[in-house]
Structure formats: structure tokens, C-alpha cells
């Protein structure tokens, strides 16, 4: 998953960077920002790419916040 794809999924899901970071268990929205930045983005780990794809395709866990 590219940085652009990750950002687009987050936006389609209606999360801010801070909301998604908290939902995924990251201590800071900076981690989400690192995945999305244009210059030298942090690679999106495979497990996170699969999870974001599942959410984008409609999967919702019981603790879905939105």
C-alpha cells in the first residue's frame, strides 16, 4: 500500500490522523503522518495494509468508533 493509498483509505473512512492513530493503538498521530507524508514516507507494514484494506472493503470490528 502506498502512502497515497493509505491516506485515501483513511479519508474515505472518515478518520483524522489522530483518530486513526488512537484506534490503531499508536501513542501519537505522528505515526500515521509518517505513513502519509509525501517526502520519504515510512513504508506501511503489510499487516496494516491488509487491515486498512479490510476496513475500506466494509469490515467493522465491534469497537469501531465511527
PDB file of N, CA and C in Angstrom:
ATOM      1  N   UNK A   1       0.862  -1.168   0.000  1.00  0.00           N
ATOM      2  CA  UNK A   1       0.000   0.000   0.000  1.00  0.00           C
ATOM      3  C   UNK A   1       0.907   1.229   0.000  1.00  0.00           C
ATOM      4  N   UNK A   2       0.646   2.145  -0.918  1.00  0.00           N
ATOM      5  CA  UNK A   2       1.445   3.368  -0.993  1.00  0.00           C
ATOM      6  C   UNK A   2       0.979   4.384   0.040  1.00  0.00           C
ATOM      7  N   UNK A   3       1.775   5.422   0.216  1.00  0.00           N
ATOM      8  CA  UNK A   3       1.382   6.480   1.146  1.00  0.00           C
ATOM      9  C   UNK A   3       0.094   7.158   0.688  1.00  0.00           C
ATOM     10  N   UNK A   4      -0.079   7.310  -0.610  1.00  0.00           N
ATOM     11  CA  UNK A   4      -1.305   7.931  -1.132  1.00  0.00           C
ATOM     12  C   UNK A   4      -2.521   7.041  -0.877  1.00  0.00           C
ATOM     13  N   UNK A   5      -2.373   5.747  -1.113  1.00  0.00           N
ATOM     14  CA  UNK A   5      -3.474   4.811  -0.872  1.00  0.00           C
ATOM     15  C   UNK A   5      -3.862   4.797   0.604  1.00  0.00           C
ATOM     16  N   UNK A   6      -2.870   4.781   1.478  1.00  0.00           N
ATOM     17  CA  UNK A   6      -3.140   4.782   2.913  1.00  0.00           C
ATOM     18  C   UNK A   6      -3.942   6.021   3.295  1.00  0.00           C
ATOM     19  N   UNK A   7      -3.504   7.173   2.832  1.00  0.00           N
ATOM     20  CA  UNK A   7      -4.197   8.429   3.150  1.00  0.00           C
ATOM     21  C   UNK A   7      -5.620   8.418   2.598  1.00  0.00           C
ATOM     22  N   UNK A   8      -5.788   7.969   1.367  1.00  0.00           N
ATOM     23  CA  UNK A   8      -7.116   7.945   0.761  1.00  0.00           C
ATOM     24  C   UNK A   8      -8.066   7.021   1.514  1.00  0.00           C
ATOM     25  N   UNK A   9      -7.573   5.875   1.969  1.00  0.00           N
ATOM     26  CA  UNK A   9      -8.418   4.973   2.764  1.00  0.00           C
ATOM     27  C   UNK A   9      -8.815   5.664   4.064  1.00  0.00           C
ATOM     28  N   UNK A  10      -7.848   6.272   4.737  1.00  0.00           N
ATOM     29  CA  UNK A  10      -8.162   6.971   5.991  1.00  0.00           C
ATOM     30  C   UNK A  10      -9.242   8.019   5.769  1.00  0.00           C
ATOM     31  N   UNK A  11      -9.113   8.790   4.706  1.00  0.00           N
ATOM     32  CA  UNK A  11     -10.102   9.840   4.428  1.00  0.00           C
ATOM     33  C   UNK A  11     -11.466   9.241   4.096  1.00  0.00           C
ATOM     34  N   UNK A  12     -11.502   8.168   3.308  1.00  0.00           N
ATOM     35  CA  UNK A  12     -12.783   7.522   2.992  1.00  0.00           C
ATOM     36  C   UNK A  12     -13.456   6.994   4.246  1.00  0.00           C
ATOM     37  N   UNK A  13     -12.651   6.532   5.208  1.00  0.00           N
ATOM     38  CA  UNK A  13     -13.196   6.006   6.460  1.00  0.00           C
ATOM     39  C   UNK A  13     -13.648   7.112   7.405  1.00  0.00           C
ATOM     40  N   UNK A  14     -13.239   8.344   7.139  1.00  0.00           N
ATOM     41  CA  UNK A  14     -13.679   9.469   7.953  1.00  0.00           C
ATOM     42  C   UNK A  14     -12.847   9.729   9.198  1.00  0.00           C
ATOM     43  N   UNK A  15     -11.643   9.181   9.256  1.00  0.00           N
ATOM     44  CA  UNK A  15     -10.761   9.386  10.403  1.00  0.00           C
ATOM     45  C   UNK A  15      -9.835  10.577  10.195  1.00  0.00           C
ATOM     46  N   UNK A  16      -9.560  11.301  11.266  1.00  0.00           N
ATOM     47  CA  UNK A  16      -8.425  12.216  11.265  1.00  0.00           C
ATOM     48  C   UNK A  16      -7.184  11.370  11.534  1.00  0.00           C
ATOM     49  N   UNK A  17      -6.018  11.958  11.355  1.00  0.00           N
ATOM     50  CA  UNK A  17      -4.794  11.221  11.677  1.00  0.00           C
ATOM     51  C   UNK A  17      -4.778  10.828  13.152  1.00  0.00           C
ATOM     52  N   UNK A  18      -5.189  11.744  14.016  1.00  0.00           N
ATOM     53  CA  UNK A  18      -5.192  11.468  15.460  1.00  0.00           C
ATOM     54  C   UNK A  18      -6.179  10.356  15.807  1.00  0.00           C
ATOM     55  N   UNK A  19      -7.360  10.375  15.200  1.00  0.00           N
ATOM     56  CA  UNK A  19      -8.365   9.344  15.483  1.00  0.00           C
ATOM     57  C   UNK A  19      -7.892   7.969  15.032  1.00  0.00           C
ATOM     58  N   UNK A  20      -7.318   7.908  13.830  1.00  0.00           N
ATOM     59  CA  UNK A  20      -6.841   6.620  13.330  1.00  0.00           C
ATOM     60  C   UNK A  20      -5.682   6.107  14.179  1.00  0.00           C
ATOM     61  N   UNK A  21      -4.772   6.987  14.543  1.00  0.00           N
ATOM     62  CA  UNK A  21      -3.646   6.579  15.386  1.00  0.00           C
ATOM     63  C   UNK A  21      -4.147   5.990  16.698  1.00  0.00           C
ATOM     64  N   UNK A  22      -5.094   6.654  17.333  1.00  0.00           N
ATOM     65  CA  UNK A  22      -5.636   6.158  18.603  1.00  0.00           C
ATOM     66  C   UNK A  22      -6.341   4.823  18.404  1.00  0.00           C
ATOM     67  N   UNK A  23      -7.135   4.698  17.344  1.00  0.00           N
ATOM     68  CA  UNK A  23      -7.868   3.458  17.085  1.00  0.00           C
ATOM     69  C   UNK A  23      -6.915   2.288  16.838  1.00  0.00           C
ATOM     70  N   UNK A  24      -5.803   2.563  16.155  1.00  0.00           N
ATOM     71  CA  UNK A  24      -4.836   1.509  15.849  1.00  0.00           C
ATOM     72  C   UNK A  24      -3.885   1.226  17.008  1.00  0.00           C
ATOM     73  N   UNK A  25      -3.961   2.033  18.065  1.00  0.00           N
ATOM     74  CA  UNK A  25      -3.129   1.798  19.234  1.00  0.00           C
ATOM     75  C   UNK A  25      -1.785   2.495  19.219  1.00  0.00           C
ATOM     76  N   UNK A  26      -1.608   3.441  18.301  1.00  0.00           N
ATOM     77  CA  UNK A  26      -0.374   4.216  18.286  1.00  0.00           C
ATOM     78  C   UNK A  26      -0.488   5.334  19.306  1.00  0.00           C
ATOM     79  N   UNK A  27       0.599   5.656  19.965  1.00  0.00           N
ATOM     80  CA  UNK A  27       0.590   6.676  21.003  1.00  0.00           C
ATOM     81  C   UNK A  27       0.515   8.090  20.476  1.00  0.00           C
ATOM     82  N   UNK A  28       0.756   8.253  19.186  1.00  0.00           N
ATOM     83  CA  UNK A  28       0.806   9.596  18.618  1.00  0.00           C
ATOM     84  C   UNK A  28       0.331   9.569  17.170  1.00  0.00           C
ATOM     85  N   UNK A  29      -0.335  10.642  16.728  1.00  0.00           N
ATOM     86  CA  UNK A  29      -0.722  10.724  15.318  1.00  0.00           C
ATOM     87  C   UNK A  29       0.482  10.852  14.390  1.00  0.00           C
ATOM     88  N   UNK A  30       1.651  11.079  14.957  1.00  0.00           N
ATOM     89  CA  UNK A  30       2.859  11.213  14.135  1.00  0.00           C
ATOM     90  C   UNK A  30       3.104   9.954  13.307  1.00  0.00           C
ATOM     91  N   UNK A  31       2.771   8.778  13.850  1.00  0.00           N
ATOM     92  CA  UNK A  31       2.995   7.538  13.100  1.00  0.00           C
ATOM     93  C   UNK A  31       2.153   7.528  11.827  1.00  0.00           C
ATOM     94  N   UNK A  32       0.892   7.924  11.918  1.00  0.00           N
ATOM     95  CA  UNK A  32       0.037   7.985  10.728  1.00  0.00           C
ATOM     96  C   UNK A  32       0.602   9.011   9.756  1.00  0.00           C
ATOM     97  N   UNK A  33       1.033  10.133  10.273  1.00  0.00           N
ATOM     98  CA  UNK A  33       1.637  11.170   9.441  1.00  0.00           C
ATOM     99  C   UNK A  33       2.865  10.634   8.700  1.00  0.00           C
ATOM    100  N   UNK A  34       3.663   9.817   9.372  1.00  0.00           N
ATOM    101  CA  UNK A  34       4.853   9.239   8.740  1.00  0.00           C
ATOM    102  C   UNK A  34       4.484   8.331   7.574  1.00  0.00           C
ATOM    103  N   UNK A  35       3.373   7.605   7.681  1.00  0.00           N
ATOM    104  CA  UNK A  35       2.924   6.746   6.584  1.00  0.00           C
ATOM    105  C   UNK A  35       2.422   7.572   5.401  1.00  0.00           C
ATOM    106  N   UNK A  36       1.886   8.753   5.660  1.00  0.00           N
ATOM    107  CA  UNK A  36       1.219   9.546   4.628  1.00  0.00           C
ATOM    108  C   UNK A  36       2.084  10.615   3.972  1.00  0.00           C
ATOM    109  N   UNK A  37       3.189  10.963   4.581  1.00  0.00           N
ATOM    110  CA  UNK A  37       3.949  12.108   4.073  1.00  0.00           C
ATOM    111  C   UNK A  37       4.439  11.867   2.652  1.00  0.00           C
ATOM    112  N   UNK A  38       4.576  12.980   1.933  1.00  0.00           N
ATOM    113  CA  UNK A  38       4.988  12.940   0.526  1.00  0.00           C
ATOM    114  C   UNK A  38       6.471  12.593   0.380  1.00  0.00           C
ATOM    115  N   UNK A  39       7.299  13.199   1.212  1.00  0.00           N
ATOM    116  CA  UNK A  39       8.736  13.020   1.111  1.00  0.00           C
ATOM    117  C   UNK A  39       9.203  11.966   2.103  1.00  0.00           C
ATOM    118  N   UNK A  40       9.859  10.946   1.589  1.00  0.00           N
ATOM    119  CA  UNK A  40      10.427   9.893   2.425  1.00  0.00           C
ATOM    120  C   UNK A  40       9.410   9.291   3.402  1.00  0.00           C
ATOM    121  N   UNK A  41       8.283   8.783   2.898  1.00  0.00           N
ATOM    122  CA  UNK A  41       7.288   8.198   3.811  1.00  0.00           C
ATOM    123  C   UNK A  41       7.796   6.899   4.426  1.00  0.00           C
ATOM    124  N   UNK A  42       7.325   6.618   5.633  1.00  0.00           N
ATOM    125  CA  UNK A  42       7.612   5.332   6.279  1.00  0.00           C
ATOM    126  C   UNK A  42       6.772   4.284   5.539  1.00  0.00           C
ATOM    127  N   UNK A  43       7.351   3.143   5.169  1.00  0.00           N
ATOM    128  CA  UNK A  43       6.559   2.105   4.499  1.00  0.00           C
ATOM    129  C   UNK A  43       5.412   1.619   5.394  1.00  0.00           C
ATOM    130  N   UNK A  44       4.255   1.410   4.785  1.00  0.00           N
ATOM    131  CA  UNK A  44       3.108   0.876   5.519  1.00  0.00           C
ATOM    132  C   UNK A  44       3.349  -0.623   5.691  1.00  0.00           C
ATOM    133  N   UNK A  45       3.407  -1.109   6.933  1.00  0.00           N
ATOM    134  CA  UNK A  45       3.630  -2.548   7.143  1.00  0.00           C
ATOM    135  C   UNK A  45       2.526  -3.381   6.483  1.00  0.00           C
ATOM    136  N   UNK A  46       2.880  -4.567   6.037  1.00  0.00           N
ATOM    137  CA  UNK A  46       1.917  -5.431   5.346  1.00  0.00           C
ATOM    138  C   UNK A  46       0.671  -5.696   6.183  1.00  0.00           C
ATOM    139  N   UNK A  47       0.846  -5.956   7.475  1.00  0.00           N
ATOM    140  CA  UNK A  47      -0.323  -6.254   8.311  1.00  0.00           C
ATOM    141  C   UNK A  47      -1.251  -5.043   8.411  1.00  0.00           C
ATOM    142  N   UNK A  48      -0.693  -3.851   8.433  1.00  0.00           N
ATOM    143  CA  UNK A  48      -1.516  -2.646   8.498  1.00  0.00           C
ATOM    144  C   UNK A  48      -2.195  -2.388   7.155  1.00  0.00           C
ATOM    145  N   UNK A  49      -1.506  -2.655   6.062  1.00  0.00           N
ATOM    146  CA  UNK A  49      -2.108  -2.502   4.739  1.00  0.00           C
ATOM    147  C   UNK A  49      -3.301  -3.447   4.586  1.00  0.00           C
ATOM    148  N   UNK A  50      -3.156  -4.695   5.061  1.00  0.00           N
ATOM    149  CA  UNK A  50      -4.271  -5.653   4.983  1.00  0.00           C
ATOM    150  C   UNK A  50      -5.444  -5.194   5.841  1.00  0.00           C
ATOM    151  N   UNK A  51      -5.150  -4.681   7.024  1.00  0.00           N
ATOM    152  CA  UNK A  51      -6.202  -4.202   7.914  1.00  0.00           C
ATOM    153  C   UNK A  51      -6.931  -3.008   7.305  1.00  0.00           C
ATOM    154  N   UNK A  52      -6.183  -2.055   6.770  1.00  0.00           N
ATOM    155  CA  UNK A  52      -6.806  -0.872   6.160  1.00  0.00           C
ATOM    156  C   UNK A  52      -7.642  -1.269   4.939  1.00  0.00           C
ATOM    157  N   UNK A  53      -7.169  -2.246   4.176  1.00  0.00           N
ATOM    158  CA  UNK A  53      -7.933  -2.732   3.026  1.00  0.00           C
ATOM    159  C   UNK A  53      -9.236  -3.368   3.493  1.00  0.00           C
ATOM    160  N   UNK A  54      -9.180  -4.156   4.549  1.00  0.00           N
ATOM    161  CA  UNK A  54     -10.397  -4.781   5.084  1.00  0.00           C
ATOM    162  C   UNK A  54     -11.387  -3.717   5.551  1.00  0.00           C
ATOM    163  N   UNK A  55     -10.911  -2.705   6.256  1.00  0.00           N
ATOM    164  CA  UNK A  55     -11.793  -1.613   6.690  1.00  0.00           C
ATOM    165  C   UNK A  55     -12.389  -0.902   5.480  1.00  0.00           C
ATOM    166  N   UNK A  56     -11.563  -0.677   4.461  1.00  0.00           N
ATOM    167  CA  UNK A  56     -12.026   0.014   3.256  1.00  0.00           C
ATOM    168  C   UNK A  56     -13.092  -0.800   2.526  1.00  0.00           C
ATOM    169  N   UNK A  57     -13.017  -2.121   2.634  1.00  0.00           N
ATOM    170  CA  UNK A  57     -13.982  -3.006   1.972  1.00  0.00           C
ATOM    171  C   UNK A  57     -15.217  -3.265   2.819  1.00  0.00           C
ATOM    172  N   UNK A  58     -15.289  -2.646   4.000  1.00  0.00           N
ATOM    173  CA  UNK A  58     -16.503  -2.728   4.790  1.00  0.00           C
ATOM    174  C   UNK A  58     -16.423  -3.474   6.104  1.00  0.00           C
ATOM    175  N   UNK A  59     -15.305  -4.128   6.385  1.00  0.00           N
ATOM    176  CA  UNK A  59     -15.181  -4.826   7.665  1.00  0.00           C
ATOM    177  C   UNK A  59     -15.206  -3.813   8.805  1.00  0.00           C
ATOM    178  N   UNK A  60     -15.986  -4.101   9.837  1.00  0.00           N
ATOM    179  CA  UNK A  60     -16.057  -3.239  11.017  1.00  0.00           C
ATOM    180  C   UNK A  60     -15.995  -4.101  12.274  1.00  0.00           C
ATOM    181  N   UNK A  61     -14.955  -3.928  13.091  1.00  0.00           N
ATOM    182  CA  UNK A  61     -14.898  -4.658  14.358  1.00  0.00           C
ATOM    183  C   UNK A  61     -15.930  -4.106  15.330  1.00  0.00           C
ATOM    184  N   UNK A  62     -16.172  -4.828  16.397  1.00  0.00           N
ATOM    185  CA  UNK A  62     -17.185  -4.402  17.372  1.00  0.00           C
ATOM    186  C   UNK A  62     -16.865  -3.063  18.009  1.00  0.00           C
ATOM    187  N   UNK A  63     -15.597  -2.722  18.107  1.00  0.00           N
ATOM    188  CA  UNK A  63     -15.218  -1.453  18.742  1.00  0.00           C
ATOM    189  C   UNK A  63     -15.015  -0.318  17.736  1.00  0.00           C
ATOM    190  N   UNK A  64     -15.627  -0.438  16.556  1.00  0.00           N
ATOM    191  CA  UNK A  64     -15.499   0.603  15.523  1.00  0.00           C
ATOM    192  C   UNK A  64     -16.036   1.923  16.073  1.00  0.00           C
ATOM    193  N   UNK A  65     -15.227   2.970  16.045  1.00  0.00           N
ATOM    194  CA  UNK A  65     -15.613   4.212  16.717  1.00  0.00           C
ATOM    195  C   UNK A  65     -16.538   5.138  15.940  1.00  0.00           C
ATOM    196  N   UNK A  66     -16.675   4.932  14.646  1.00  0.00           N
ATOM    197  CA  UNK A  66     -17.461   5.903  13.858  1.00  0.00           C
ATOM    198  C   UNK A  66     -18.849   5.402  13.548  1.00  0.00           C
TER     199      UNK A  66
END
